[in-house]
Amino acid sequence: MKAFVETTEFSRWLQRFLPGDTYIKLQRELIENPRKGDVMPGCGGLRKLRIADPKRQKGKRGGARVIYLPIPEANQFLMLDVYGKGDKDDLTPSEKRDLRELAREYKRLIVEAARKAKKDQEP
């Protein structure tokens, strides 16, 4: 089973702008294709995915951008950030650095916990 872990900012944006059925559709798409979207160069494996923004009546091209990290070792997706294309064209270098560091630390902790849990289950 895949788990979706959201930052507080991501969760706030979902509540304000994205209907639940649209997010469920996005989750299903990511489960089917965990590498969906473009890799963000120099960001430690973070990916950027275009999604429609139904509340603002925008399609994928003019809609929102979701920043996430697939963590296959733990069957998880870390949902880090989302922003409307109309709000900004791209993340700043500082934002990219902060997200990269957050993702790196989270991945380290979650992979370590998954390995420990697997080891604890061995006879």
PDB file of N, CA and C in Angstrom:
ATOM      1  N   MET A   1       0.842  -1.185   0.000  1.00  0.00           N
ATOM      2  CA  MET A   1       0.000   0.000   0.000  1.00  0.00           C
ATOM      3  C   MET A   1       0.886   1.249   0.000  1.00  0.00           C
ATOM      4  N   LYS A   2       0.502   2.213  -0.776  1.00  0.00           N
ATOM      5  CA  LYS A   2       1.253   3.468  -0.869  1.00  0.00           C
ATOM      6  C   LYS A   2       0.661   4.485   0.104  1.00  0.00           C
ATOM      7  N   ALA A   3       1.526   5.273   0.688  1.00  0.00           N
ATOM      8  CA  ALA A   3       1.095   6.330   1.604  1.00  0.00           C
ATOM      9  C   ALA A   3       1.486   7.683   1.022  1.00  0.00           C
ATOM     10  N   PHE A   4       0.641   8.666   1.246  1.00  0.00           N
ATOM     11  CA  PHE A   4       0.907  10.033   0.823  1.00  0.00           C
ATOM     12  C   PHE A   4       1.080  10.878   2.076  1.00  0.00           C
ATOM     13  N   VAL A   5       2.271  11.414   2.242  1.00  0.00           N
ATOM     14  CA  VAL A   5       2.593  12.255   3.391  1.00  0.00           C
ATOM     15  C   VAL A   5       2.657  13.688   2.884  1.00  0.00           C
ATOM     16  N   GLU A   6       1.915  14.575   3.539  1.00  0.00           N
ATOM     17  CA  GLU A   6       1.804  15.959   3.073  1.00  0.00           C
ATOM     18  C   GLU A   6       2.419  16.931   4.070  1.00  0.00           C
ATOM     19  N   THR A   7       3.099  17.938   3.537  1.00  0.00           N
ATOM     20  CA  THR A   7       3.529  19.036   4.397  1.00  0.00           C
ATOM     21  C   THR A   7       2.298  19.856   4.772  1.00  0.00           C
ATOM     22  N   THR A   8       2.419  20.667   5.794  1.00  0.00           N
ATOM     23  CA  THR A   8       1.311  21.517   6.229  1.00  0.00           C
ATOM     24  C   THR A   8       0.872  22.458   5.120  1.00  0.00           C
ATOM     25  N   GLU A   9       1.833  23.047   4.432  1.00  0.00           N
ATOM     26  CA  GLU A   9       1.499  23.968   3.337  1.00  0.00           C
ATOM     27  C   GLU A   9       0.732  23.258   2.231  1.00  0.00           C
ATOM     28  N   PHE A  10       1.160  22.069   1.903  1.00  0.00           N
ATOM     29  CA  PHE A  10       0.478  21.300   0.864  1.00  0.00           C
ATOM     30  C   PHE A  10      -0.964  21.021   1.289  1.00  0.00           C
ATOM     31  N   SER A  11      -1.152  20.585   2.527  1.00  0.00           N
ATOM     32  CA  SER A  11      -2.499  20.283   3.027  1.00  0.00           C
ATOM     33  C   SER A  11      -3.396  21.515   3.012  1.00  0.00           C
ATOM     34  N   ARG A  12      -2.848  22.659   3.400  1.00  0.00           N
ATOM     35  CA  ARG A  12      -3.637  23.903   3.374  1.00  0.00           C
ATOM     36  C   ARG A  12      -4.100  24.232   1.962  1.00  0.00           C
ATOM     37  N   TRP A  13      -3.195  24.102   1.003  1.00  0.00           N
ATOM     38  CA  TRP A  13      -3.541  24.410  -0.377  1.00  0.00           C
ATOM     39  C   TRP A  13      -4.637  23.470  -0.866  1.00  0.00           C
ATOM     40  N   LEU A  14      -4.525  22.183  -0.526  1.00  0.00           N
ATOM     41  CA  LEU A  14      -5.543  21.214  -0.938  1.00  0.00           C
ATOM     42  C   LEU A  14      -6.919  21.619  -0.433  1.00  0.00           C
ATOM     43  N   GLN A  15      -6.989  21.975   0.831  1.00  0.00           N
ATOM     44  CA  GLN A  15      -8.276  22.350   1.425  1.00  0.00           C
ATOM     45  C   GLN A  15      -8.882  23.564   0.742  1.00  0.00           C
ATOM     46  N   ARG A  16      -8.057  24.504   0.342  1.00  0.00           N
ATOM     47  CA  ARG A  16      -8.564  25.738  -0.257  1.00  0.00           C
ATOM     48  C   ARG A  16      -8.902  25.603  -1.733  1.00  0.00           C
ATOM     49  N   PHE A  17      -8.128  24.833  -2.466  1.00  0.00           N
ATOM     50  CA  PHE A  17      -8.241  24.885  -3.919  1.00  0.00           C
ATOM     51  C   PHE A  17      -8.588  23.590  -4.635  1.00  0.00           C
ATOM     52  N   LEU A  18      -8.303  22.445  -4.060  1.00  0.00           N
ATOM     53  CA  LEU A  18      -8.449  21.213  -4.831  1.00  0.00           C
ATOM     54  C   LEU A  18      -9.536  20.311  -4.253  1.00  0.00           C
ATOM     55  N   PRO A  19     -10.585  20.049  -5.035  1.00  0.00           N
ATOM     56  CA  PRO A  19     -11.629  19.131  -4.567  1.00  0.00           C
ATOM     57  C   PRO A  19     -11.040  17.748  -4.294  1.00  0.00           C
ATOM     58  N   GLY A  20     -11.615  17.066  -3.307  1.00  0.00           N
ATOM     59  CA  GLY A  20     -11.107  15.757  -2.898  1.00  0.00           C
ATOM     60  C   GLY A  20     -11.009  14.753  -4.026  1.00  0.00           C
ATOM     61  N   ASP A  21     -11.999  14.741  -4.931  1.00  0.00           N
ATOM     62  CA  ASP A  21     -11.962  13.762  -6.013  1.00  0.00           C
ATOM     63  C   ASP A  21     -10.802  14.019  -6.972  1.00  0.00           C
ATOM     64  N   THR A  22     -10.418  15.274  -7.131  1.00  0.00           N
ATOM     65  CA  THR A  22      -9.282  15.598  -7.999  1.00  0.00           C
ATOM     66  C   THR A  22      -7.979  15.109  -7.366  1.00  0.00           C
ATOM     67  N   TYR A  23      -7.852  15.259  -6.053  1.00  0.00           N
ATOM     68  CA  TYR A  23      -6.646  14.786  -5.374  1.00  0.00           C
ATOM     69  C   TYR A  23      -6.586  13.263  -5.393  1.00  0.00           C
ATOM     70  N   ILE A  24      -7.724  12.619  -5.228  1.00  0.00           N
ATOM     71  CA  ILE A  24      -7.756  11.157  -5.296  1.00  0.00           C
ATOM     72  C   ILE A  24      -7.308  10.688  -6.680  1.00  0.00           C
ATOM     73  N   LYS A  25      -7.754  11.381  -7.712  1.00  0.00           N
ATOM     74  CA  LYS A  25      -7.333  11.046  -9.078  1.00  0.00           C
ATOM     75  C   LYS A  25      -5.813  11.209  -9.216  1.00  0.00           C
ATOM     76  N   LEU A  26      -5.273  12.294  -8.673  1.00  0.00           N
ATOM     77  CA  LEU A  26      -3.827  12.515  -8.715  1.00  0.00           C
ATOM     78  C   LEU A  26      -3.090  11.390  -7.987  1.00  0.00           C
ATOM     79  N   GLN A  27      -3.581  10.995  -6.818  1.00  0.00           N
ATOM     80  CA  GLN A  27      -2.946   9.912  -6.070  1.00  0.00           C
ATOM     81  C   GLN A  27      -2.936   8.618  -6.884  1.00  0.00           C
ATOM     82  N   ARG A  28      -4.053   8.317  -7.521  1.00  0.00           N
ATOM     83  CA  ARG A  28      -4.123   7.103  -8.347  1.00  0.00           C
ATOM     84  C   ARG A  28      -3.115   7.160  -9.494  1.00  0.00           C
ATOM     85  N   GLU A  29      -3.004   8.331 -10.124  1.00  0.00           N
ATOM     86  CA  GLU A  29      -2.040   8.491 -11.216  1.00  0.00           C
ATOM     87  C   GLU A  29      -0.611   8.258 -10.723  1.00  0.00           C
ATOM     88  N   LEU A  30      -0.302   8.772  -9.530  1.00  0.00           N
ATOM     89  CA  LEU A  30       1.050   8.596  -8.991  1.00  0.00           C
ATOM     90  C   LEU A  30       1.316   7.148  -8.591  1.00  0.00           C
ATOM     91  N   ILE A  31       0.307   6.469  -8.083  1.00  0.00           N
ATOM     92  CA  ILE A  31       0.476   5.055  -7.740  1.00  0.00           C
ATOM     93  C   ILE A  31       0.770   4.252  -9.004  1.00  0.00           C
ATOM     94  N   GLU A  32       0.059   4.562 -10.083  1.00  0.00           N
ATOM     95  CA  GLU A  32       0.276   3.863 -11.354  1.00  0.00           C
ATOM     96  C   GLU A  32       1.622   4.226 -11.978  1.00  0.00           C
ATOM     97  N   ASN A  33       2.033   5.472 -11.813  1.00  0.00           N
ATOM     98  CA  ASN A  33       3.285   5.938 -12.411  1.00  0.00           C
ATOM     99  C   ASN A  33       4.002   6.861 -11.422  1.00  0.00           C
ATOM    100  N   PRO A  34       4.774   6.285 -10.483  1.00  0.00           N
ATOM    101  CA  PRO A  34       5.437   7.085  -9.449  1.00  0.00           C
ATOM    102  C   PRO A  34       6.429   8.116  -9.983  1.00  0.00           C
ATOM    103  N   ARG A  35       6.850   7.964 -11.210  1.00  0.00           N
ATOM    104  CA  ARG A  35       7.822   8.888 -11.794  1.00  0.00           C
ATOM    105  C   ARG A  35       7.152   9.897 -12.727  1.00  0.00           C
ATOM    106  N   LYS A  36       5.880  10.122 -12.515  1.00  0.00           N
ATOM    107  CA  LYS A  36       5.134  11.069 -13.345  1.00  0.00           C
ATOM    108  C   LYS A  36       5.654  12.488 -13.101  1.00  0.00           C
ATOM    109  N   GLY A  37       5.661  13.281 -14.124  1.00  0.00           N
ATOM    110  CA  GLY A  37       6.155  14.651 -13.994  1.00  0.00           C
ATOM    111  C   GLY A  37       7.633  14.737 -14.327  1.00  0.00           C
ATOM    112  N   ASP A  38       8.143  15.942 -14.248  1.00  0.00           N
ATOM    113  CA  ASP A  38       9.541  16.200 -14.604  1.00  0.00           C
ATOM    114  C   ASP A  38      10.434  16.216 -13.371  1.00  0.00           C
ATOM    115  N   VAL A  39      11.617  15.611 -13.501  1.00  0.00           N
ATOM    116  CA  VAL A  39      12.618  15.700 -12.434  1.00  0.00           C
ATOM    117  C   VAL A  39      13.113  17.137 -12.388  1.00  0.00           C
ATOM    118  N   MET A  40      13.251  17.667 -11.184  1.00  0.00           N
ATOM    119  CA  MET A  40      13.759  19.023 -11.005  1.00  0.00           C
ATOM    120  C   MET A  40      15.279  18.933 -10.830  1.00  0.00           C
ATOM    121  N   PRO A  41      16.048  19.375 -11.810  1.00  0.00           N
ATOM    122  CA  PRO A  41      17.507  19.258 -11.743  1.00  0.00           C
ATOM    123  C   PRO A  41      18.082  19.892 -10.471  1.00  0.00           C
ATOM    124  N   GLY A  42      18.996  19.165  -9.842  1.00  0.00           N
ATOM    125  CA  GLY A  42      19.674  19.677  -8.655  1.00  0.00           C
ATOM    126  C   GLY A  42      18.823  19.711  -7.405  1.00  0.00           C
ATOM    127  N   CYS A  43      17.707  18.983  -7.419  1.00  0.00           N
ATOM    128  CA  CYS A  43      16.785  19.028  -6.276  1.00  0.00           C
ATOM    129  C   CYS A  43      16.633  17.675  -5.592  1.00  0.00           C
ATOM    130  N   GLY A  44      17.589  16.790  -5.749  1.00  0.00           N
ATOM    131  CA  GLY A  44      17.587  15.538  -4.998  1.00  0.00           C
ATOM    132  C   GLY A  44      16.461  14.577  -5.326  1.00  0.00           C
ATOM    133  N   GLY A  45      16.013  14.555  -6.568  1.00  0.00           N
ATOM    134  CA  GLY A  45      14.962  13.615  -6.959  1.00  0.00           C
ATOM    135  C   GLY A  45      13.553  14.168  -6.896  1.00  0.00           C
ATOM    136  N   LEU A  46      13.412  15.428  -6.496  1.00  0.00           N
ATOM    137  CA  LEU A  46      12.078  16.028  -6.480  1.00  0.00           C
ATOM    138  C   LEU A  46      11.526  16.078  -7.894  1.00  0.00           C
ATOM    139  N   ARG A  47      10.214  15.941  -7.982  1.00  0.00           N
ATOM    140  CA  ARG A  47       9.548  15.979  -9.272  1.00  0.00           C
ATOM    141  C   ARG A  47       8.478  17.062  -9.262  1.00  0.00           C
ATOM    142  N   LYS A  48       8.243  17.649 -10.440  1.00  0.00           N
ATOM    143  CA  LYS A  48       7.222  18.688 -10.594  1.00  0.00           C
ATOM    144  C   LYS A  48       6.187  18.179 -11.590  1.00  0.00           C
ATOM    145  N   LEU A  49       4.939  18.276 -11.184  1.00  0.00           N
ATOM    146  CA  LEU A  49       3.846  17.748 -11.982  1.00  0.00           C
ATOM    147  C   LEU A  49       2.789  18.823 -12.184  1.00  0.00           C
ATOM    148  N   ARG A  50       2.330  18.976 -13.391  1.00  0.00           N
ATOM    149  CA  ARG A  50       1.241  19.912 -13.679  1.00  0.00           C
ATOM    150  C   ARG A  50      -0.093  19.241 -13.378  1.00  0.00           C
ATOM    151  N   ILE A  51      -0.981  19.994 -12.733  1.00  0.00           N
ATOM    152  CA  ILE A  51      -2.337  19.491 -12.513  1.00  0.00           C
ATOM    153  C   ILE A  51      -3.330  20.602 -12.832  1.00  0.00           C
ATOM    154  N   ALA A  52      -4.542  20.201 -13.163  1.00  0.00           N
ATOM    155  CA  ALA A  52      -5.606  21.173 -13.393  1.00  0.00           C
ATOM    156  C   ALA A  52      -5.990  21.805 -12.056  1.00  0.00           C
ATOM    157  N   ASP A  53      -6.508  22.994 -12.119  1.00  0.00           N
ATOM    158  CA  ASP A  53      -6.943  23.734 -10.932  1.00  0.00           C
ATOM    159  C   ASP A  53      -8.421  24.079 -11.135  1.00  0.00           C
ATOM    160  N   PRO A  54      -9.325  23.138 -10.789  1.00  0.00           N
ATOM    161  CA  PRO A  54     -10.741  23.316 -11.106  1.00  0.00           C
ATOM    162  C   PRO A  54     -11.405  24.513 -10.428  1.00  0.00           C
ATOM    163  N   LYS A  55     -10.987  24.852  -9.233  1.00  0.00           N
ATOM    164  CA  LYS A  55     -11.618  25.994  -8.555  1.00  0.00           C
ATOM    165  C   LYS A  55     -11.297  27.314  -9.234  1.00  0.00           C
ATOM    166  N   ARG A  56     -10.150  27.372  -9.884  1.00  0.00           N
ATOM    167  CA  ARG A  56      -9.789  28.584 -10.619  1.00  0.00           C
ATOM    168  C   ARG A  56     -10.070  28.419 -12.118  1.00  0.00           C
ATOM    169  N   GLN A  57     -10.681  27.302 -12.449  1.00  0.00           N
ATOM    170  CA  GLN A  57     -11.048  26.987 -13.830  1.00  0.00           C
ATOM    171  C   GLN A  57      -9.842  27.043 -14.770  1.00  0.00           C
ATOM    172  N   LYS A  58      -8.795  26.363 -14.360  1.00  0.00           N
ATOM    173  CA  LYS A  58      -7.569  26.300 -15.158  1.00  0.00           C
ATOM    174  C   LYS A  58      -7.260  24.839 -15.483  1.00  0.00           C
ATOM    175  N   GLY A  59      -6.816  24.603 -16.709  1.00  0.00           N
ATOM    176  CA  GLY A  59      -6.365  23.272 -17.099  1.00  0.00           C
ATOM    177  C   GLY A  59      -4.956  23.024 -16.598  1.00  0.00           C
ATOM    178  N   LYS A  60      -4.370  21.909 -17.017  1.00  0.00           N
ATOM    179  CA  LYS A  60      -3.015  21.563 -16.556  1.00  0.00           C
ATOM    180  C   LYS A  60      -1.988  22.629 -16.910  1.00  0.00           C
ATOM    181  N   ARG A  61      -2.074  23.154 -18.112  1.00  0.00           N
ATOM    182  CA  ARG A  61      -1.062  24.121 -18.560  1.00  0.00           C
ATOM    183  C   ARG A  61      -1.053  25.391 -17.703  1.00  0.00           C
ATOM    184  N   GLY A  62      -2.212  25.911 -17.381  1.00  0.00           N
ATOM    185  CA  GLY A  62      -2.286  27.134 -16.589  1.00  0.00           C
ATOM    186  C   GLY A  62      -2.648  26.893 -15.140  1.00  0.00           C
ATOM    187  N   GLY A  63      -2.737  25.628 -14.753  1.00  0.00           N
ATOM    188  CA  GLY A  63      -3.185  25.268 -13.414  1.00  0.00           C
ATOM    189  C   GLY A  63      -2.114  25.356 -12.355  1.00  0.00           C
ATOM    190  N   ALA A  64      -1.966  24.283 -11.610  1.00  0.00           N
ATOM    191  CA  ALA A  64      -1.049  24.268 -10.475  1.00  0.00           C
ATOM    192  C   ALA A  64       0.137  23.350 -10.754  1.00  0.00           C
ATOM    193  N   ARG A  65       1.172  23.538  -9.955  1.00  0.00           N
ATOM    194  CA  ARG A  65       2.365  22.701 -10.009  1.00  0.00           C
ATOM    195  C   ARG A  65       2.517  22.018  -8.655  1.00  0.00           C
ATOM    196  N   VAL A  66       2.646  20.701  -8.683  1.00  0.00           N
ATOM    197  CA  VAL A  66       2.814  19.907  -7.468  1.00  0.00           C
ATOM    198  C   VAL A  66       4.266  19.449  -7.407  1.00  0.00           C
ATOM    199  N   ILE A  67       4.897  19.682  -6.265  1.00  0.00           N
ATOM    200  CA  ILE A  67       6.271  19.235  -6.038  1.00  0.00           C
ATOM    201  C   ILE A  67       6.198  18.046  -5.080  1.00  0.00           C
ATOM    202  N   TYR A  68       6.742  16.910  -5.516  1.00  0.00           N
ATOM    203  CA  TYR A  68       6.671  15.714  -4.679  1.00  0.00           C
ATOM    204  C   TYR A  68       7.940  14.881  -4.821  1.00  0.00           C
ATOM    205  N   LEU A  69       8.098  13.954  -3.881  1.00  0.00           N
ATOM    206  CA  LEU A  69       9.236  13.043  -3.901  1.00  0.00           C
ATOM    207  C   LEU A  69       8.719  11.620  -3.752  1.00  0.00           C
ATOM    208  N   PRO A  70       8.903  10.775  -4.765  1.00  0.00           N
ATOM    209  CA  PRO A  70       8.554   9.365  -4.592  1.00  0.00           C
ATOM    210  C   PRO A  70       9.637   8.680  -3.757  1.00  0.00           C
ATOM    211  N   ILE A  71       9.208   7.873  -2.792  1.00  0.00           N
ATOM    212  CA  ILE A  71      10.156   7.138  -1.953  1.00  0.00           C
ATOM    213  C   ILE A  71       9.791   5.659  -2.054  1.00  0.00           C
ATOM    214  N   PRO A  72      10.247   4.984  -3.109  1.00  0.00           N
ATOM    215  CA  PRO A  72       9.837   3.599  -3.334  1.00  0.00           C
ATOM    216  C   PRO A  72      10.270   2.641  -2.222  1.00  0.00           C
ATOM    217  N   GLU A  73      11.389   2.929  -1.567  1.00  0.00           N
ATOM    218  CA  GLU A  73      11.870   2.049  -0.493  1.00  0.00           C
ATOM    219  C   GLU A  73      10.883   1.956   0.660  1.00  0.00           C
ATOM    220  N   ALA A  74      10.043   2.962   0.808  1.00  0.00           N
ATOM    221  CA  ALA A  74       9.076   2.994   1.906  1.00  0.00           C
ATOM    222  C   ALA A  74       7.632   3.019   1.399  1.00  0.00           C
ATOM    223  N   ASN A  75       7.439   2.847   0.087  1.00  0.00           N
ATOM    224  CA  ASN A  75       6.096   2.909  -0.506  1.00  0.00           C
ATOM    225  C   ASN A  75       5.369   4.198  -0.140  1.00  0.00           C
ATOM    226  N   GLN A  76       6.084   5.306  -0.233  1.00  0.00           N
ATOM    227  CA  GLN A  76       5.502   6.596   0.131  1.00  0.00           C
ATOM    228  C   GLN A  76       5.765   7.649  -0.930  1.00  0.00           C
ATOM    229  N   PHE A  77       4.912   8.659  -0.880  1.00  0.00           N
ATOM    230  CA  PHE A  77       5.101   9.877  -1.653  1.00  0.00           C
ATOM    231  C   PHE A  77       5.103  11.026  -0.659  1.00  0.00           C
ATOM    232  N   LEU A  78       6.116  11.844  -0.709  1.00  0.00           N
ATOM    233  CA  LEU A  78       6.167  13.039   0.123  1.00  0.00           C
ATOM    234  C   LEU A  78       5.671  14.194  -0.732  1.00  0.00           C
ATOM    235  N   MET A  79       4.512  14.724  -0.383  1.00  0.00           N
ATOM    236  CA  MET A  79       3.887  15.816  -1.123  1.00  0.00           C
ATOM    237  C   MET A  79       4.341  17.114  -0.459  1.00  0.00           C
ATOM    238  N   LEU A  80       5.252  17.823  -1.120  1.00  0.00           N
ATOM    239  CA  LEU A  80       5.944  18.942  -0.492  1.00  0.00           C
ATOM    240  C   LEU A  80       5.315  20.305  -0.712  1.00  0.00           C
ATOM    241  N   ASP A  81       4.985  20.617  -1.942  1.00  0.00           N
ATOM    242  CA  ASP A  81       4.549  21.987  -2.232  1.00  0.00           C
ATOM    243  C   ASP A  81       3.629  21.977  -3.435  1.00  0.00           C
ATOM    244  N   VAL A  82       2.834  23.000  -3.520  1.00  0.00           N
ATOM    245  CA  VAL A  82       1.964  23.195  -4.673  1.00  0.00           C
ATOM    246  C   VAL A  82       1.767  24.691  -4.835  1.00  0.00           C
ATOM    247  N   TYR A  83       1.751  25.144  -6.061  1.00  0.00           N
ATOM    248  CA  TYR A  83       1.532  26.564  -6.317  1.00  0.00           C
ATOM    249  C   TYR A  83       0.881  26.723  -7.676  1.00  0.00           C
ATOM    250  N   GLY A  84       0.107  27.786  -7.798  1.00  0.00           N
ATOM    251  CA  GLY A  84      -0.541  28.075  -9.063  1.00  0.00           C
ATOM    252  C   GLY A  84       0.432  28.703 -10.034  1.00  0.00           C
ATOM    253  N   LYS A  85       0.310  28.337 -11.301  1.00  0.00           N
ATOM    254  CA  LYS A  85       1.203  28.922 -12.299  1.00  0.00           C
ATOM    255  C   LYS A  85       1.036  30.431 -12.341  1.00  0.00           C
ATOM    256  N   GLY A  86      -0.173  30.915 -12.093  1.00  0.00           N
ATOM    257  CA  GLY A  86      -0.407  32.353 -12.073  1.00  0.00           C
ATOM    258  C   GLY A  86       0.239  33.045 -10.884  1.00  0.00           C
ATOM    259  N   ASP A  87       0.552  32.269  -9.828  1.00  0.00           N
ATOM    260  CA  ASP A  87       1.182  32.843  -8.635  1.00  0.00           C
ATOM    261  C   ASP A  87       2.671  33.081  -8.844  1.00  0.00           C
ATOM    262  N   LYS A  88       3.325  32.135  -9.520  1.00  0.00           N
ATOM    263  CA  LYS A  88       4.749  32.274  -9.829  1.00  0.00           C
ATOM    264  C   LYS A  88       5.102  31.282 -10.926  1.00  0.00           C
ATOM    265  N   ASP A  89       6.110  31.636 -11.707  1.00  0.00           N
ATOM    266  CA  ASP A  89       6.528  30.767 -12.806  1.00  0.00           C
ATOM    267  C   ASP A  89       7.282  29.539 -12.315  1.00  0.00           C
ATOM    268  N   ASP A  90       8.111  29.731 -11.304  1.00  0.00           N
ATOM    269  CA  ASP A  90       8.942  28.641 -10.812  1.00  0.00           C
ATOM    270  C   ASP A  90       9.338  28.945  -9.376  1.00  0.00           C
ATOM    271  N   LEU A  91       9.898  27.951  -8.714  1.00  0.00           N
ATOM    272  CA  LEU A  91      10.417  28.154  -7.366  1.00  0.00           C
ATOM    273  C   LEU A  91      11.727  28.930  -7.436  1.00  0.00           C
ATOM    274  N   THR A  92      11.989  29.705  -6.399  1.00  0.00           N
ATOM    275  CA  THR A  92      13.257  30.422  -6.326  1.00  0.00           C
ATOM    276  C   THR A  92      14.365  29.427  -5.964  1.00  0.00           C
ATOM    277  N   PRO A  93      15.625  29.773  -6.218  1.00  0.00           N
ATOM    278  CA  PRO A  93      16.725  28.886  -5.803  1.00  0.00           C
ATOM    279  C   PRO A  93      16.679  28.580  -4.305  1.00  0.00           C
ATOM    280  N   SER A  94      16.306  29.550  -3.504  1.00  0.00           N
ATOM    281  CA  SER A  94      16.210  29.346  -2.061  1.00  0.00           C
ATOM    282  C   SER A  94      15.096  28.345  -1.723  1.00  0.00           C
ATOM    283  N   GLU A  95      13.952  28.472  -2.378  1.00  0.00           N
ATOM    284  CA  GLU A  95      12.850  27.530  -2.147  1.00  0.00           C
ATOM    285  C   GLU A  95      13.251  26.123  -2.578  1.00  0.00           C
ATOM    286  N   LYS A  96      13.919  26.019  -3.701  1.00  0.00           N
ATOM    287  CA  LYS A  96      14.379  24.710  -4.174  1.00  0.00           C
ATOM    288  C   LYS A  96      15.344  24.087  -3.177  1.00  0.00           C
ATOM    289  N   ARG A  97      16.267  24.891  -2.667  1.00  0.00           N
ATOM    290  CA  ARG A  97      17.240  24.393  -1.687  1.00  0.00           C
ATOM    291  C   ARG A  97      16.527  23.904  -0.426  1.00  0.00           C
ATOM    292  N   ASP A  98      15.584  24.701   0.076  1.00  0.00           N
ATOM    293  CA  ASP A  98      14.857  24.325   1.288  1.00  0.00           C
ATOM    294  C   ASP A  98      14.067  23.031   1.090  1.00  0.00           C
ATOM    295  N   LEU A  99      13.382  22.915  -0.043  1.00  0.00           N
ATOM    296  CA  LEU A  99      12.613  21.701  -0.323  1.00  0.00           C
ATOM    297  C   LEU A  99      13.534  20.495  -0.483  1.00  0.00           C
ATOM    298  N   ARG A 100      14.664  20.694  -1.144  1.00  0.00           N
ATOM    299  CA  ARG A 100      15.630  19.609  -1.326  1.00  0.00           C
ATOM    300  C   ARG A 100      16.121  19.100   0.028  1.00  0.00           C
ATOM    301  N   GLU A 101      16.454  20.019   0.928  1.00  0.00           N
ATOM    302  CA  GLU A 101      16.948  19.624   2.251  1.00  0.00           C
ATOM    303  C   GLU A 101      15.858  18.927   3.065  1.00  0.00           C
ATOM    304  N   LEU A 102      14.647  19.443   3.017  1.00  0.00           N
ATOM    305  CA  LEU A 102      13.526  18.818   3.724  1.00  0.00           C
ATOM    306  C   LEU A 102      13.297  17.403   3.194  1.00  0.00           C
ATOM    307  N   ALA A 103      13.279  17.265   1.882  1.00  0.00           N
ATOM    308  CA  ALA A 103      13.060  15.955   1.269  1.00  0.00           C
ATOM    309  C   ALA A 103      14.186  14.989   1.610  1.00  0.00           C
ATOM    310  N   ARG A 104      15.408  15.462   1.573  1.00  0.00           N
ATOM    311  CA  ARG A 104      16.564  14.610   1.885  1.00  0.00           C
ATOM    312  C   ARG A 104      16.477  14.081   3.317  1.00  0.00           C
ATOM    313  N   GLU A 105      16.171  14.950   4.252  1.00  0.00           N
ATOM    314  CA  GLU A 105      16.092  14.533   5.653  1.00  0.00           C
ATOM    315  C   GLU A 105      14.915  13.584   5.879  1.00  0.00           C
ATOM    316  N   TYR A 106      13.767  13.900   5.307  1.00  0.00           N
ATOM    317  CA  TYR A 106      12.607  13.028   5.466  1.00  0.00           C
ATOM    318  C   TYR A 106      12.902  11.648   4.883  1.00  0.00           C
ATOM    319  N   LYS A 107      13.464  11.626   3.683  1.00  0.00           N
ATOM    320  CA  LYS A 107      13.753  10.345   3.040  1.00  0.00           C
ATOM    321  C   LYS A 107      14.733   9.536   3.879  1.00  0.00           C
ATOM    322  N   ARG A 108      15.742  10.182   4.408  1.00  0.00           N
ATOM    323  CA  ARG A 108      16.713   9.474   5.250  1.00  0.00           C
ATOM    324  C   ARG A 108      16.014   8.833   6.445  1.00  0.00           C
ATOM    325  N   LEU A 109      15.165   9.600   7.114  1.00  0.00           N
ATOM    326  CA  LEU A 109      14.467   9.092   8.297  1.00  0.00           C
ATOM    327  C   LEU A 109      13.494   7.969   7.959  1.00  0.00           C
ATOM    328  N   ILE A 110      12.728   8.145   6.888  1.00  0.00           N
ATOM    329  CA  ILE A 110      11.705   7.156   6.564  1.00  0.00           C
ATOM    330  C   ILE A 110      12.323   5.861   6.038  1.00  0.00           C
ATOM    331  N   VAL A 111      13.389   5.959   5.266  1.00  0.00           N
ATOM    332  CA  VAL A 111      14.057   4.751   4.769  1.00  0.00           C
ATOM    333  C   VAL A 111      14.709   4.019   5.936  1.00  0.00           C
ATOM    334  N   GLU A 112      15.308   4.759   6.843  1.00  0.00           N
ATOM    335  CA  GLU A 112      15.913   4.156   8.038  1.00  0.00           C
ATOM    336  C   GLU A 112      14.850   3.433   8.867  1.00  0.00           C
ATOM    337  N   ALA A 113      13.693   4.060   9.057  1.00  0.00           N
ATOM    338  CA  ALA A 113      12.603   3.441   9.819  1.00  0.00           C
ATOM    339  C   ALA A 113      12.072   2.194   9.109  1.00  0.00           C
ATOM    340  N   ALA A 114      11.956   2.242   7.788  1.00  0.00           N
ATOM    341  CA  ALA A 114      11.473   1.082   7.030  1.00  0.00           C
ATOM    342  C   ALA A 114      12.452  -0.086   7.149  1.00  0.00           C
ATOM    343  N   ARG A 115      13.742   0.209   7.077  1.00  0.00           N
ATOM    344  CA  ARG A 115      14.751  -0.850   7.219  1.00  0.00           C
ATOM    345  C   ARG A 115      14.709  -1.464   8.616  1.00  0.00           C
ATOM    346  N   LYS A 116      14.553  -0.614   9.625  1.00  0.00           N
ATOM    347  CA  LYS A 116      14.490  -1.104  11.001  1.00  0.00           C
ATOM    348  C   LYS A 116      13.261  -1.986  11.189  1.00  0.00           C
ATOM    349  N   ALA A 117      12.120  -1.551  10.670  1.00  0.00           N
ATOM    350  CA  ALA A 117      10.891  -2.332  10.795  1.00  0.00           C
ATOM    351  C   ALA A 117      11.032  -3.685  10.099  1.00  0.00           C
ATOM    352  N   LYS A 118      11.658  -3.690   8.940  1.00  0.00           N
ATOM    353  CA  LYS A 118      11.864  -4.940   8.208  1.00  0.00           C
ATOM    354  C   LYS A 118      12.791  -5.864   8.988  1.00  0.00           C
ATOM    355  N   LYS A 119      13.845  -5.290   9.559  1.00  0.00           N
ATOM    356  CA  LYS A 119      14.799  -6.083  10.340  1.00  0.00           C
ATOM    357  C   LYS A 119      14.126  -6.658  11.585  1.00  0.00           C
ATOM    358  N   ASP A 120      13.259  -5.862  12.238  1.00  0.00           N
ATOM    359  CA  ASP A 120      12.560  -6.316  13.438  1.00  0.00           C
ATOM    360  C   ASP A 120      11.594  -7.462  13.139  1.00  0.00           C
ATOM    361  N   GLN A 121      11.116  -7.555  11.899  1.00  0.00           N
ATOM    362  CA  GLN A 121      10.173  -8.614  11.528  1.00  0.00           C
ATOM    363  C   GLN A 121      10.873  -9.923  11.186  1.00  0.00           C
ATOM    364  N   GLU A 122      12.174  -9.857  10.938  1.00  0.00           N
ATOM    365  CA  GLU A 122      12.918 -11.075  10.606  1.00  0.00           C
ATOM    366  C   GLU A 122      13.040 -11.955  11.842  1.00  0.00           C
ATOM    367  N   PRO A 123      13.004 -13.293  11.632  1.00  0.00           N
ATOM    368  CA  PRO A 123      13.103 -14.214  12.789  1.00  0.00           C
ATOM    369  C   PRO A 123      14.459 -14.198  13.437  1.00  0.00           C
TER     370      PRO A 123
END
